[in-house]
C-alpha cells in the first residue's frame, strides 16, 4: 500500500469525497505492481487508455489507502509501491533557476514545487533508498532509475541542515536527493 514513507510525500491534502449515491464496493480486484503494471483479477490491464481512466479516478483516504472513485462506485485496491512511475525528466535551466517536470507513466506532467515535492524514502523490502515525486495529495510516483540519474546529473551541492547534500532545484525550491560523504 502506498503511504507517506514512499510515494506520497509530506503534502497531506484532503481526500476526494465520493459522489452522492456512490456505492462502496470495499476491496477491488485491482492491484498495481512495483513496475507500474495494473492488474484486474490477476491479469494485466493491457489497454493504456483504460489504465489512464482508472488513474484519473485515483484518490487517497485519510489513512493513505488508495481507492478508485467513480460516479457509480468506489473501492480500495492494493499497490506494491507507488501507483505511478516518473518515466521522463523535462528540465529547463540549471541550478536555482531549474524547473523539473516529470512525465509519469499515464502521460500526466507533474512539475516539482512545494506541493509536488521530490523526496527519497526507504523501500522496506530491500532497505534501498528510492526517489519519489508527489503527483496529487497523498499520491506519488516512483522516479525511474534512469530519470533519477538524469536528475542527479543536473543536481547541485548545497548545505542543508548543516550537511552537504546533492539535490535539485525546481520552481524555486531545493529538494535534497542524496547525502555527500
N, C-alpha and C. Protein backbone atom coordinates (compact mmCIF):
# COMPACT_ATOMS: atom_id res chain seq x y z
N UNK A 1 0.85 -1.17 0.00
CA UNK A 1 0.00 0.00 0.00
C UNK A 1 0.90 1.23 0.00
N UNK A 2 0.66 2.18 -0.87
CA UNK A 2 1.45 3.40 -0.90
C UNK A 2 1.15 4.21 0.35
N UNK A 3 2.17 4.84 0.91
CA UNK A 3 1.95 5.65 2.08
C UNK A 3 2.95 6.79 2.09
N UNK A 4 2.93 7.58 3.14
CA UNK A 4 3.80 8.76 3.20
C UNK A 4 5.27 8.42 3.19
N UNK A 5 5.65 7.23 3.65
CA UNK A 5 7.06 6.87 3.64
C UNK A 5 7.59 6.72 2.23
N UNK A 6 6.71 6.40 1.31
CA UNK A 6 7.17 6.09 -0.04
C UNK A 6 6.65 7.12 -1.03
N UNK A 7 5.58 6.81 -1.71
CA UNK A 7 5.19 7.58 -2.87
C UNK A 7 4.45 8.86 -2.66
N UNK A 8 4.10 9.24 -1.45
CA UNK A 8 3.15 10.33 -1.33
C UNK A 8 3.72 11.64 -0.84
N UNK A 9 4.81 11.64 -0.17
CA UNK A 9 5.39 12.90 0.26
C UNK A 9 4.65 13.53 1.42
N UNK A 10 5.19 14.64 1.90
CA UNK A 10 4.67 15.27 3.10
C UNK A 10 3.58 16.30 2.87
N UNK A 11 2.90 16.28 1.73
CA UNK A 11 1.99 17.36 1.42
C UNK A 11 0.61 17.22 2.01
N UNK A 12 0.26 16.06 2.53
CA UNK A 12 -1.07 15.89 3.13
C UNK A 12 -2.15 16.08 2.09
N UNK A 13 -3.09 16.96 2.37
CA UNK A 13 -4.16 17.19 1.41
C UNK A 13 -5.42 16.50 1.85
N UNK A 14 -6.46 16.74 1.12
CA UNK A 14 -7.73 16.14 1.51
C UNK A 14 -8.15 15.08 0.51
N UNK A 15 -8.93 14.13 1.01
CA UNK A 15 -9.42 13.09 0.13
C UNK A 15 -10.60 13.62 -0.67
N UNK A 16 -10.80 13.07 -1.84
CA UNK A 16 -11.93 13.43 -2.67
C UNK A 16 -13.16 12.73 -2.12
N UNK A 17 -14.22 13.48 -1.76
CA UNK A 17 -15.41 12.81 -1.24
C UNK A 17 -16.11 12.03 -2.35
N UNK A 18 -16.69 10.89 -2.01
CA UNK A 18 -17.41 10.13 -3.03
C UNK A 18 -18.66 10.88 -3.48
N UNK A 19 -19.06 10.71 -4.74
CA UNK A 19 -20.29 11.35 -5.20
C UNK A 19 -21.51 10.80 -4.45
N UNK A 20 -22.56 11.61 -4.38
CA UNK A 20 -23.80 11.15 -3.74
C UNK A 20 -24.31 9.92 -4.47
N UNK A 21 -24.74 8.93 -3.72
CA UNK A 21 -25.26 7.71 -4.30
C UNK A 21 -24.19 6.72 -4.72
N UNK A 22 -22.94 7.05 -4.46
CA UNK A 22 -21.82 6.18 -4.84
C UNK A 22 -21.81 4.95 -3.93
N UNK A 23 -21.69 3.78 -4.51
CA UNK A 23 -21.68 2.52 -3.75
C UNK A 23 -20.25 2.20 -3.34
N UNK A 24 -20.04 1.90 -2.05
CA UNK A 24 -18.73 1.48 -1.57
C UNK A 24 -18.58 -0.01 -1.85
N UNK A 25 -17.69 -0.35 -2.76
CA UNK A 25 -17.50 -1.75 -3.16
C UNK A 25 -16.44 -2.46 -2.33
N UNK A 26 -15.89 -1.79 -1.31
CA UNK A 26 -14.85 -2.43 -0.49
C UNK A 26 -13.56 -2.62 -1.26
N UNK A 27 -12.95 -3.79 -1.11
CA UNK A 27 -11.69 -4.08 -1.80
C UNK A 27 -11.97 -4.54 -3.23
N UNK A 28 -11.33 -3.87 -4.18
CA UNK A 28 -11.49 -4.22 -5.59
C UNK A 28 -10.44 -5.27 -5.99
N UNK A 29 -10.69 -5.98 -7.05
CA UNK A 29 -9.75 -7.00 -7.56
C UNK A 29 -8.73 -6.35 -8.49
N UNK A 30 -8.22 -5.19 -8.06
CA UNK A 30 -7.23 -4.44 -8.84
C UNK A 30 -6.00 -4.28 -7.98
N UNK A 31 -4.82 -4.42 -8.59
CA UNK A 31 -3.59 -4.07 -7.90
C UNK A 31 -2.58 -3.54 -8.91
N UNK A 32 -1.60 -2.78 -8.39
CA UNK A 32 -0.53 -2.22 -9.21
C UNK A 32 0.78 -2.76 -8.65
N UNK A 33 1.60 -3.38 -9.52
CA UNK A 33 2.87 -3.91 -9.04
C UNK A 33 3.94 -2.81 -9.01
N UNK A 34 5.12 -3.15 -8.54
CA UNK A 34 6.19 -2.16 -8.38
C UNK A 34 6.65 -1.58 -9.71
N UNK A 35 6.44 -2.30 -10.80
CA UNK A 35 6.83 -1.80 -12.12
C UNK A 35 5.78 -0.90 -12.74
N UNK A 36 4.67 -0.67 -12.04
CA UNK A 36 3.62 0.21 -12.55
C UNK A 36 2.59 -0.50 -13.40
N UNK A 37 2.63 -1.83 -13.45
CA UNK A 37 1.64 -2.58 -14.23
C UNK A 37 0.37 -2.73 -13.40
N UNK A 38 -0.76 -2.39 -14.01
CA UNK A 38 -2.06 -2.51 -13.37
C UNK A 38 -2.64 -3.88 -13.70
N UNK A 39 -3.27 -4.51 -12.71
CA UNK A 39 -3.87 -5.84 -12.87
C UNK A 39 -5.32 -5.81 -12.43
N UNK A 40 -6.14 -6.61 -13.09
CA UNK A 40 -7.51 -6.85 -12.66
C UNK A 40 -7.73 -8.35 -12.62
N UNK A 41 -8.18 -8.86 -11.50
CA UNK A 41 -8.36 -10.31 -11.31
C UNK A 41 -7.10 -11.09 -11.68
N UNK A 42 -5.93 -10.53 -11.38
CA UNK A 42 -4.66 -11.22 -11.63
C UNK A 42 -4.11 -11.10 -13.03
N UNK A 43 -4.86 -10.50 -13.95
CA UNK A 43 -4.40 -10.34 -15.34
C UNK A 43 -4.02 -8.89 -15.60
N UNK A 44 -2.91 -8.67 -16.32
CA UNK A 44 -2.51 -7.29 -16.62
C UNK A 44 -3.58 -6.57 -17.45
N UNK A 45 -3.78 -5.31 -17.15
CA UNK A 45 -4.66 -4.47 -17.96
C UNK A 45 -3.78 -3.93 -19.09
N UNK A 46 -4.02 -4.37 -20.29
CA UNK A 46 -3.14 -4.07 -21.42
C UNK A 46 -3.50 -2.77 -22.16
N UNK A 47 -4.72 -2.30 -21.99
CA UNK A 47 -5.13 -1.07 -22.68
C UNK A 47 -4.72 0.15 -21.87
N UNK A 48 -3.74 0.89 -22.38
CA UNK A 48 -3.24 2.06 -21.67
C UNK A 48 -4.36 3.08 -21.43
N UNK A 49 -5.27 3.20 -22.37
CA UNK A 49 -6.38 4.15 -22.21
C UNK A 49 -7.20 3.82 -20.97
N UNK A 50 -7.43 2.54 -20.72
CA UNK A 50 -8.20 2.13 -19.54
C UNK A 50 -7.42 2.42 -18.26
N UNK A 51 -6.12 2.16 -18.28
CA UNK A 51 -5.27 2.48 -17.13
C UNK A 51 -5.32 3.99 -16.86
N UNK A 52 -5.26 4.80 -17.91
CA UNK A 52 -5.32 6.25 -17.74
C UNK A 52 -6.66 6.70 -17.15
N UNK A 53 -7.75 6.07 -17.55
CA UNK A 53 -9.06 6.39 -16.97
C UNK A 53 -9.08 6.03 -15.49
N UNK A 54 -8.60 4.83 -15.15
CA UNK A 54 -8.53 4.44 -13.74
C UNK A 54 -7.64 5.41 -12.96
N UNK A 55 -6.50 5.78 -13.54
CA UNK A 55 -5.56 6.68 -12.86
C UNK A 55 -6.21 8.03 -12.58
N UNK A 56 -7.05 8.50 -13.48
CA UNK A 56 -7.71 9.79 -13.27
C UNK A 56 -8.73 9.74 -12.14
N UNK A 57 -9.19 8.54 -11.79
CA UNK A 57 -10.18 8.37 -10.72
C UNK A 57 -9.54 7.98 -9.39
N UNK A 58 -8.22 8.05 -9.32
CA UNK A 58 -7.48 7.64 -8.13
C UNK A 58 -7.50 8.73 -7.07
N UNK A 59 -7.73 8.35 -5.83
CA UNK A 59 -7.61 9.26 -4.70
C UNK A 59 -7.11 8.46 -3.50
N UNK A 60 -6.83 9.17 -2.42
CA UNK A 60 -6.35 8.51 -1.20
C UNK A 60 -7.22 8.95 -0.04
N UNK A 61 -7.46 8.03 0.89
CA UNK A 61 -8.26 8.38 2.06
C UNK A 61 -7.33 8.91 3.16
N UNK A 62 -7.89 9.21 4.30
CA UNK A 62 -7.10 9.80 5.40
C UNK A 62 -6.01 8.88 5.93
N UNK A 63 -6.15 7.59 5.70
CA UNK A 63 -5.12 6.63 6.13
C UNK A 63 -4.16 6.31 4.99
N UNK A 64 -4.18 7.11 3.94
CA UNK A 64 -3.32 6.95 2.76
C UNK A 64 -3.58 5.67 2.00
N UNK A 65 -4.77 5.08 2.16
CA UNK A 65 -5.15 3.93 1.34
C UNK A 65 -5.67 4.45 0.02
N UNK A 66 -5.18 3.86 -1.06
CA UNK A 66 -5.61 4.30 -2.38
C UNK A 66 -6.95 3.69 -2.75
N UNK A 67 -7.72 4.44 -3.51
CA UNK A 67 -9.02 3.95 -3.93
C UNK A 67 -9.38 4.57 -5.28
N UNK A 68 -10.24 3.89 -5.99
CA UNK A 68 -10.83 4.42 -7.22
C UNK A 68 -12.20 4.97 -6.85
N UNK A 69 -12.49 6.18 -7.31
CA UNK A 69 -13.78 6.80 -7.04
C UNK A 69 -14.39 7.19 -8.39
N UNK A 70 -15.49 6.55 -8.74
CA UNK A 70 -16.23 6.87 -9.96
C UNK A 70 -17.60 7.38 -9.55
N UNK A 71 -18.38 7.91 -10.48
CA UNK A 71 -19.73 8.36 -10.11
C UNK A 71 -20.60 7.23 -9.56
N UNK A 72 -20.33 5.98 -9.94
CA UNK A 72 -21.19 4.86 -9.53
C UNK A 72 -20.68 4.12 -8.30
N UNK A 73 -19.37 3.97 -8.17
CA UNK A 73 -18.85 3.19 -7.05
C UNK A 73 -17.44 3.63 -6.68
N UNK A 74 -17.02 3.18 -5.52
CA UNK A 74 -15.64 3.41 -5.09
C UNK A 74 -15.16 2.15 -4.39
N UNK A 75 -13.85 1.96 -4.41
CA UNK A 75 -13.29 0.81 -3.74
C UNK A 75 -11.79 0.94 -3.59
N UNK A 76 -11.28 0.25 -2.59
CA UNK A 76 -9.84 0.25 -2.32
C UNK A 76 -9.17 -0.82 -3.18
N UNK A 77 -7.86 -0.63 -3.39
CA UNK A 77 -7.09 -1.64 -4.10
C UNK A 77 -5.66 -1.62 -3.60
N UNK A 78 -4.91 -2.62 -3.97
CA UNK A 78 -3.55 -2.82 -3.46
C UNK A 78 -2.51 -2.25 -4.42
N UNK A 79 -1.50 -1.59 -3.85
CA UNK A 79 -0.38 -1.03 -4.61
C UNK A 79 0.90 -1.51 -3.95
N UNK A 80 1.77 -2.13 -4.74
CA UNK A 80 3.01 -2.67 -4.19
C UNK A 80 3.95 -1.57 -3.72
N UNK A 81 4.01 -0.47 -4.44
CA UNK A 81 4.87 0.66 -4.08
C UNK A 81 4.07 1.93 -4.32
N UNK A 82 4.43 2.72 -5.31
CA UNK A 82 3.68 3.91 -5.68
C UNK A 82 2.81 3.58 -6.90
N UNK A 83 1.67 4.26 -7.05
CA UNK A 83 0.79 3.91 -8.17
C UNK A 83 1.30 4.35 -9.54
N UNK A 84 2.25 5.29 -9.56
CA UNK A 84 2.76 5.80 -10.82
C UNK A 84 4.28 5.70 -10.86
N UNK A 85 4.83 5.81 -12.07
CA UNK A 85 6.28 5.85 -12.26
C UNK A 85 6.60 7.07 -13.11
N UNK A 86 7.55 7.89 -12.63
CA UNK A 86 8.04 9.02 -13.42
C UNK A 86 9.01 8.46 -14.45
N UNK A 87 8.66 8.58 -15.73
CA UNK A 87 9.43 7.93 -16.80
C UNK A 87 10.26 8.90 -17.63
N UNK A 88 10.10 10.20 -17.40
CA UNK A 88 10.87 11.17 -18.16
C UNK A 88 11.04 12.44 -17.34
N UNK A 89 12.24 13.03 -17.39
CA UNK A 89 12.52 14.31 -16.76
C UNK A 89 12.50 15.37 -17.85
N UNK A 90 11.76 16.43 -17.63
CA UNK A 90 11.73 17.57 -18.54
C UNK A 90 12.22 18.75 -17.70
N UNK A 91 13.47 19.15 -17.91
CA UNK A 91 14.07 20.19 -17.08
C UNK A 91 14.46 21.38 -17.93
N UNK A 92 14.22 22.56 -17.39
CA UNK A 92 14.64 23.79 -18.03
C UNK A 92 15.61 24.49 -17.10
N UNK A 93 16.53 25.23 -17.68
CA UNK A 93 17.52 25.99 -16.93
C UNK A 93 18.41 25.06 -16.11
N UNK A 94 19.26 25.66 -15.27
CA UNK A 94 20.15 24.91 -14.38
C UNK A 94 20.20 25.60 -13.03
N UNK A 95 20.69 24.88 -12.03
CA UNK A 95 20.87 25.45 -10.70
C UNK A 95 19.57 25.95 -10.10
N UNK A 96 19.64 27.11 -9.44
CA UNK A 96 18.47 27.66 -8.74
C UNK A 96 17.32 28.06 -9.67
N UNK A 97 17.62 28.23 -10.95
CA UNK A 97 16.57 28.59 -11.92
C UNK A 97 15.91 27.38 -12.55
N UNK A 98 16.38 26.19 -12.20
CA UNK A 98 15.86 24.97 -12.83
C UNK A 98 14.40 24.75 -12.46
N UNK A 99 13.65 24.24 -13.42
CA UNK A 99 12.29 23.75 -13.19
C UNK A 99 12.28 22.31 -13.68
N UNK A 100 11.97 21.39 -12.76
CA UNK A 100 11.97 19.96 -13.07
C UNK A 100 10.54 19.45 -13.15
N UNK A 101 10.17 18.98 -14.32
CA UNK A 101 8.86 18.37 -14.53
C UNK A 101 9.07 16.91 -14.89
N UNK A 102 8.11 16.10 -14.54
CA UNK A 102 8.20 14.67 -14.81
C UNK A 102 6.97 14.23 -15.59
N UNK A 103 7.21 13.41 -16.61
CA UNK A 103 6.10 12.74 -17.29
C UNK A 103 5.94 11.40 -16.60
N UNK A 104 4.74 11.12 -16.13
CA UNK A 104 4.52 9.84 -15.46
C UNK A 104 3.92 8.86 -16.46
N UNK A 105 3.89 7.61 -16.07
CA UNK A 105 3.53 6.53 -16.99
C UNK A 105 2.09 6.58 -17.51
N UNK A 106 1.27 7.46 -16.98
CA UNK A 106 -0.09 7.64 -17.53
C UNK A 106 -0.18 8.98 -18.28
N UNK A 107 0.98 9.46 -18.72
CA UNK A 107 1.11 10.65 -19.57
C UNK A 107 0.64 11.95 -18.93
N UNK A 108 0.67 12.03 -17.61
CA UNK A 108 0.46 13.30 -16.92
C UNK A 108 1.82 13.94 -16.71
N UNK A 109 1.85 15.27 -16.67
CA UNK A 109 3.08 16.01 -16.40
C UNK A 109 2.94 16.64 -15.01
N UNK A 110 3.97 16.44 -14.18
CA UNK A 110 3.98 16.98 -12.82
C UNK A 110 5.23 17.82 -12.67
N UNK A 111 5.08 19.08 -12.26
CA UNK A 111 6.22 19.95 -12.02
C UNK A 111 6.49 19.99 -10.53
N UNK A 112 7.73 19.71 -10.15
CA UNK A 112 8.11 19.71 -8.73
C UNK A 112 8.07 21.12 -8.20
N UNK A 113 7.40 21.28 -7.08
CA UNK A 113 7.28 22.54 -6.37
C UNK A 113 6.91 22.18 -4.93
N UNK A 114 6.64 23.15 -4.06
CA UNK A 114 6.31 22.78 -2.67
C UNK A 114 5.11 21.85 -2.53
N UNK A 115 4.18 21.85 -3.47
CA UNK A 115 3.02 20.96 -3.41
C UNK A 115 3.27 19.62 -4.09
N UNK A 116 4.35 19.53 -4.85
CA UNK A 116 4.71 18.30 -5.58
C UNK A 116 6.20 18.03 -5.34
N UNK A 117 6.56 17.76 -4.07
CA UNK A 117 7.98 17.63 -3.74
C UNK A 117 8.61 16.35 -4.27
N UNK A 118 9.91 16.44 -4.47
CA UNK A 118 10.75 15.27 -4.73
C UNK A 118 11.27 14.85 -3.36
N UNK A 119 11.24 13.57 -3.07
CA UNK A 119 11.79 13.08 -1.81
C UNK A 119 12.32 11.67 -1.99
N UNK A 120 13.17 11.27 -1.07
CA UNK A 120 13.76 9.93 -1.10
C UNK A 120 13.29 9.21 0.15
N UNK A 121 12.86 7.96 -0.01
CA UNK A 121 12.39 7.15 1.12
C UNK A 121 12.96 5.75 0.99
N UNK A 122 12.90 5.02 2.08
CA UNK A 122 13.39 3.64 2.08
C UNK A 122 12.30 2.71 1.55
N UNK A 123 12.69 1.78 0.68
CA UNK A 123 11.79 0.73 0.19
C UNK A 123 11.95 -0.41 1.18
N UNK A 124 10.94 -0.66 2.03
CA UNK A 124 11.08 -1.62 3.14
C UNK A 124 11.58 -3.02 2.77
N UNK A 125 11.13 -3.62 1.67
CA UNK A 125 11.61 -5.00 1.42
C UNK A 125 13.12 -5.11 1.23
N UNK A 126 13.76 -4.03 0.72
CA UNK A 126 15.20 -4.12 0.43
C UNK A 126 16.03 -3.09 1.19
N UNK A 127 15.39 -2.17 1.88
CA UNK A 127 16.07 -1.07 2.57
C UNK A 127 16.89 -0.20 1.63
N UNK A 128 16.52 -0.14 0.35
CA UNK A 128 17.21 0.74 -0.58
C UNK A 128 16.52 2.10 -0.58
N UNK A 129 17.29 3.15 -0.86
CA UNK A 129 16.74 4.49 -1.00
C UNK A 129 16.10 4.62 -2.37
N UNK A 130 14.86 5.11 -2.39
CA UNK A 130 14.11 5.21 -3.63
C UNK A 130 13.54 6.63 -3.74
N UNK A 131 13.73 7.28 -4.90
CA UNK A 131 13.20 8.64 -5.08
C UNK A 131 11.75 8.64 -5.57
N UNK A 132 10.99 9.63 -5.12
CA UNK A 132 9.58 9.79 -5.49
C UNK A 132 9.29 11.25 -5.77
N UNK A 133 8.21 11.50 -6.46
CA UNK A 133 7.66 12.84 -6.63
C UNK A 133 6.16 12.74 -6.34
N UNK A 134 5.65 13.72 -5.61
CA UNK A 134 4.22 13.73 -5.30
C UNK A 134 3.45 14.20 -6.53
N UNK A 135 2.45 13.44 -6.92
CA UNK A 135 1.64 13.74 -8.09
C UNK A 135 0.38 14.50 -7.69
N UNK A 136 -0.31 13.99 -6.69
CA UNK A 136 -1.52 14.59 -6.13
C UNK A 136 -1.42 14.45 -4.62
N UNK A 137 -2.25 15.15 -3.86
CA UNK A 137 -2.17 14.95 -2.41
C UNK A 137 -2.26 13.48 -2.04
N UNK A 138 -1.26 13.02 -1.29
CA UNK A 138 -1.17 11.64 -0.78
C UNK A 138 -0.94 10.59 -1.87
N UNK A 139 -0.63 11.00 -3.09
CA UNK A 139 -0.41 10.06 -4.18
C UNK A 139 0.89 10.43 -4.89
N UNK A 140 1.79 9.45 -5.03
CA UNK A 140 3.08 9.75 -5.62
C UNK A 140 3.47 8.85 -6.76
N UNK A 141 4.62 9.19 -7.35
CA UNK A 141 5.22 8.39 -8.42
C UNK A 141 6.65 8.06 -8.03
N UNK A 142 7.03 6.80 -8.22
CA UNK A 142 8.43 6.43 -8.05
C UNK A 142 9.18 6.95 -9.26
N UNK A 143 10.31 7.58 -9.04
CA UNK A 143 11.12 8.10 -10.13
C UNK A 143 11.97 6.95 -10.67
N UNK A 144 11.81 6.63 -11.95
CA UNK A 144 12.56 5.54 -12.58
C UNK A 144 14.06 5.80 -12.44
N UNK A 145 14.83 4.74 -12.35
CA UNK A 145 16.27 4.85 -12.11
C UNK A 145 16.95 5.75 -13.14
N UNK A 146 16.67 5.57 -14.42
CA UNK A 146 17.32 6.39 -15.46
C UNK A 146 16.94 7.87 -15.31
N UNK A 147 15.71 8.14 -14.90
CA UNK A 147 15.25 9.51 -14.70
C UNK A 147 15.94 10.10 -13.47
N UNK A 148 16.09 9.29 -12.43
CA UNK A 148 16.79 9.73 -11.22
C UNK A 148 18.24 10.08 -11.54
N UNK A 149 18.91 9.25 -12.35
CA UNK A 149 20.29 9.54 -12.72
C UNK A 149 20.39 10.85 -13.48
N UNK A 150 19.44 11.13 -14.34
CA UNK A 150 19.41 12.41 -15.06
C UNK A 150 19.21 13.56 -14.07
N UNK A 151 18.34 13.38 -13.09
CA UNK A 151 18.11 14.40 -12.07
C UNK A 151 19.38 14.66 -11.27
N UNK A 152 20.08 13.59 -10.90
CA UNK A 152 21.35 13.72 -10.16
C UNK A 152 22.39 14.44 -11.01
N UNK A 153 22.45 14.10 -12.30
CA UNK A 153 23.41 14.74 -13.21
C UNK A 153 23.17 16.25 -13.26
N UNK A 154 21.94 16.66 -13.18
CA UNK A 154 21.60 18.09 -13.21
C UNK A 154 21.63 18.71 -11.80
N UNK A 155 21.86 17.88 -10.79
CA UNK A 155 21.80 18.34 -9.41
C UNK A 155 22.95 19.25 -9.02
N UNK A 156 22.82 19.83 -7.85
CA UNK A 156 23.82 20.73 -7.30
C UNK A 156 24.11 20.34 -5.86
N UNK A 157 25.25 20.80 -5.38
CA UNK A 157 25.63 20.57 -3.99
C UNK A 157 25.20 21.78 -3.17
N UNK A 158 24.54 21.52 -2.06
CA UNK A 158 24.07 22.58 -1.16
C UNK A 158 24.30 22.13 0.28
N UNK A 159 24.32 23.09 1.19
CA UNK A 159 24.33 22.77 2.61
C UNK A 159 22.88 22.81 3.07
N UNK A 160 22.45 21.70 3.65
CA UNK A 160 21.05 21.57 4.07
C UNK A 160 21.06 20.98 5.47
N UNK A 161 20.68 21.78 6.47
CA UNK A 161 20.69 21.29 7.85
C UNK A 161 22.09 20.92 8.32
N UNK A 162 23.08 21.74 8.05
CA UNK A 162 24.49 21.53 8.44
C UNK A 162 25.14 20.34 7.76
N UNK A 163 24.56 19.82 6.70
CA UNK A 163 25.15 18.71 5.96
C UNK A 163 25.22 19.06 4.49
N UNK A 164 26.27 18.58 3.84
CA UNK A 164 26.38 18.75 2.39
C UNK A 164 25.51 17.69 1.73
N UNK A 165 24.64 18.12 0.85
CA UNK A 165 23.75 17.20 0.15
C UNK A 165 23.74 17.53 -1.34
N UNK A 166 23.43 16.52 -2.11
CA UNK A 166 23.15 16.70 -3.53
C UNK A 166 21.65 16.86 -3.64
N UNK A 167 21.22 17.76 -4.48
CA UNK A 167 19.79 17.95 -4.64
C UNK A 167 19.47 18.64 -5.94
N UNK A 168 18.21 18.87 -6.14
CA UNK A 168 17.73 19.51 -7.36
C UNK A 168 16.85 20.69 -7.00
N UNK A 169 17.03 21.76 -7.73
CA UNK A 169 16.14 22.91 -7.60
C UNK A 169 14.99 22.74 -8.58
N UNK A 170 13.83 23.18 -8.17
CA UNK A 170 12.69 23.23 -9.08
C UNK A 170 11.71 24.26 -8.57
N UNK A 171 11.33 25.16 -9.43
CA UNK A 171 10.33 26.19 -9.10
C UNK A 171 10.70 26.94 -7.82
N UNK A 172 12.00 27.23 -7.66
CA UNK A 172 12.47 27.99 -6.51
C UNK A 172 12.62 27.22 -5.22
N UNK A 173 12.47 25.92 -5.24
CA UNK A 173 12.57 25.08 -4.04
C UNK A 173 13.69 24.06 -4.23
N UNK A 174 14.50 23.87 -3.18
CA UNK A 174 15.57 22.87 -3.23
C UNK A 174 15.06 21.57 -2.63
N UNK A 175 15.30 20.47 -3.35
CA UNK A 175 14.89 19.14 -2.91
C UNK A 175 16.12 18.27 -2.74
N UNK A 176 16.51 17.94 -1.48
CA UNK A 176 17.66 17.05 -1.27
C UNK A 176 17.35 15.66 -1.82
N UNK A 177 18.32 15.09 -2.54
CA UNK A 177 18.11 13.74 -3.08
C UNK A 177 19.23 12.78 -2.69
N UNK A 178 20.24 13.27 -1.98
CA UNK A 178 21.30 12.37 -1.53
C UNK A 178 22.34 13.11 -0.70
N UNK A 179 22.93 12.40 0.25
CA UNK A 179 23.99 12.96 1.09
C UNK A 179 25.32 12.87 0.38
N UNK A 180 26.18 13.84 0.62
CA UNK A 180 27.54 13.81 0.10
C UNK A 180 28.45 13.44 1.26
N UNK A 181 29.21 12.35 1.08
CA UNK A 181 30.08 11.90 2.17
C UNK A 181 31.52 12.24 1.90
